Amino acid sequence: MTRPLQLFIAGILLITGSLTCMSQYQINTTGGLCASYGSNEFAPFYMASNRGGTLTQSKNLLLNIGVSDSLNLDKKFDFAWGIEAYGGLQSSVDYQRWDRAGHRLVADNSQRPTPIWIQQLYGELKYRCLYLGIGMKDRGSALLNQDLTSGDVTWSGNARGIPEVRIGFVGFQDIPFTNKWVQIDLALSYGKFFDKKWVENHFSYRNGQICPSPLWTYKRLYLQTNPDKNFNFLFGFQMTGLFGGKSYQYDDGLLIKTIDNYGGIRDFFDMLLPLDSDREGYKVGDHKGSWDGAARYRLRNGDELRAYFEWFWEDGSGLLKNNGWDGLWGIEYKSSKRWWINGAVVEYLDFTHQSGPLTWAEVDHPDSNLHMSVKGHDNYYNSWYYRPYTNYGMTIGTPMVMGTIYNLDGSPTIKASRVRGIHVAVEGCVGSQIDWRLKYNHRKAWGMANSMALAYPMQANSCMLEAKWRPASLKGLSLNCQIALDRGNCPTNAAAVMVGLTYDNIISLGKTK
């Protein structure tokens, strides 16, 4: 019996046992069946992006089952939990693997997602406005419209969730003595990557470095003005970091170096802020994040217009906004009622500056008489000491940057992070039972930062049309159909059709909780 299946059964038994001890309870149940068929190796861009890494291959037959509870915000103290599992059949993809005997790369490493996995398994507690969460939970962007956005540049929900311990506030809370004019949202988490087997199975073992099981941290601080007013402003930051674990360096098929990145419990404190350390003169861990802001205006009829930005940074140079226009810029329209257009988003992503082509650190040149530092030459979503910004190969930030799952040569590096793109999305409804959504994206990538450019830029055009039918006679049931098309080499031409059936309902055990 596989370990994911053991965890799934243990979770079901734990939840069932807990429910039998309660006379008053209400749980949310969900289930779904999804079938898709497409060309080439991978699902088209919009079928794969921002869905928790659940659908990546070109051909899929997936079943998901989940049960959960939600926090009652009206109670002073409450708890919640959730578990969701996926399973089914998905097509395989051939990756290159280094043949040490033949001293060559061969494409005989066929890989596919595991037939069953735990997508969510978590518990939550709240006391007044304070929050504690433990486990793995699907979380989308804290700033953007998850249904329409191209993806948050720091945490998008594009990849699977990372098991973590999270503390913070339950949503936005009024700051005392501001007469409800200013609210604060705060989150802090520490977690650990558990995709070690995936990383090891997809690596070519020729050249490069892998760090299969590092630790992870995420921080968020947002301030906003009163959201009940017609004008509303938000500003704050998100920040993530990688630290700990062991890194393995390979050269021409040989393991040449093993690095232990973990320095003890002090690393957890040093990762709160990117502080200096005594490790070769560098800061502990790899740090990245974004300065986020938004301005929203509510029209007289209740419709809303919003403009927002996410200024991505990596290390100290981008933190001081020395990276030009790099970031995500967007405008959003949101209707106050259901009609043929309920919302629309237009976004522009620019990752082409990356703090310029130069960098100089005194610690890298001990024989030099130059006692100075020049910060630049960032390499977004990559790290020379840890690993790329991916989980199970899918980019944790914006999906416009291709994750390592698309590296058929077995490279452990994100190759095309220097990217520029535009994204347009519209959604609406036809009557009371049919919803539709349309997305289009154009992106062009020049490789990694500056000197590590591709010989020929990669580019792609992607589009997706989706329709969802919710029959009024069967509450909780929905039929979803998608048609998606990619044209270009970022990563490849692809076309696919998907049909899905989902059912969401609430089961009452006795009286309401």
Foldseek 3Di string as FASTA:
>chain_A
DDPQVVVVVVLVVVVVVVVVVDQFAKKKKKKKWKWKAKDDFWPFLVVQFLAARPGTGRTWTKMKIKMKDDDDLVDQKDKMWMWMKMFGDGAWDFFWAQDVVVLDIDRPQIDDDDRMHIQWTKMWIHGNFKIKIFFFDQDADPPDDLVADLAFQFFGSSHGTFGKIKIWTPPWDADPPPVQFKTKTKMKIKGKADCLVLLVSLARLAFAKAFRIWMKMKIWMKMKTRPVDQKMKMKTKIKMWTFFGKMWGHHSNDTDDIDTGDDPPVLVVQVVDQDFDPPLGGTGTWMKIWIKMKMKGADPQGKIKMWMWTQIATPDLSVVPLQPPATKTKMKIADPDADAWGMKMKMKHAQARQNHDDWDDCSVPVPDPDHDTDDGQHWPQQDRGHAGCHHSQQHRTRNLQGGNVLNSHNHRDRWFRRKIKMKIKTKHADPDFKIKIKIKMKMKTQTTHDPSGDPDIWIKIKMKIKMKGDDPVQPQKIKIKMWMFMPTPSPHTMTMIMIMIMGMDMDINNHHD
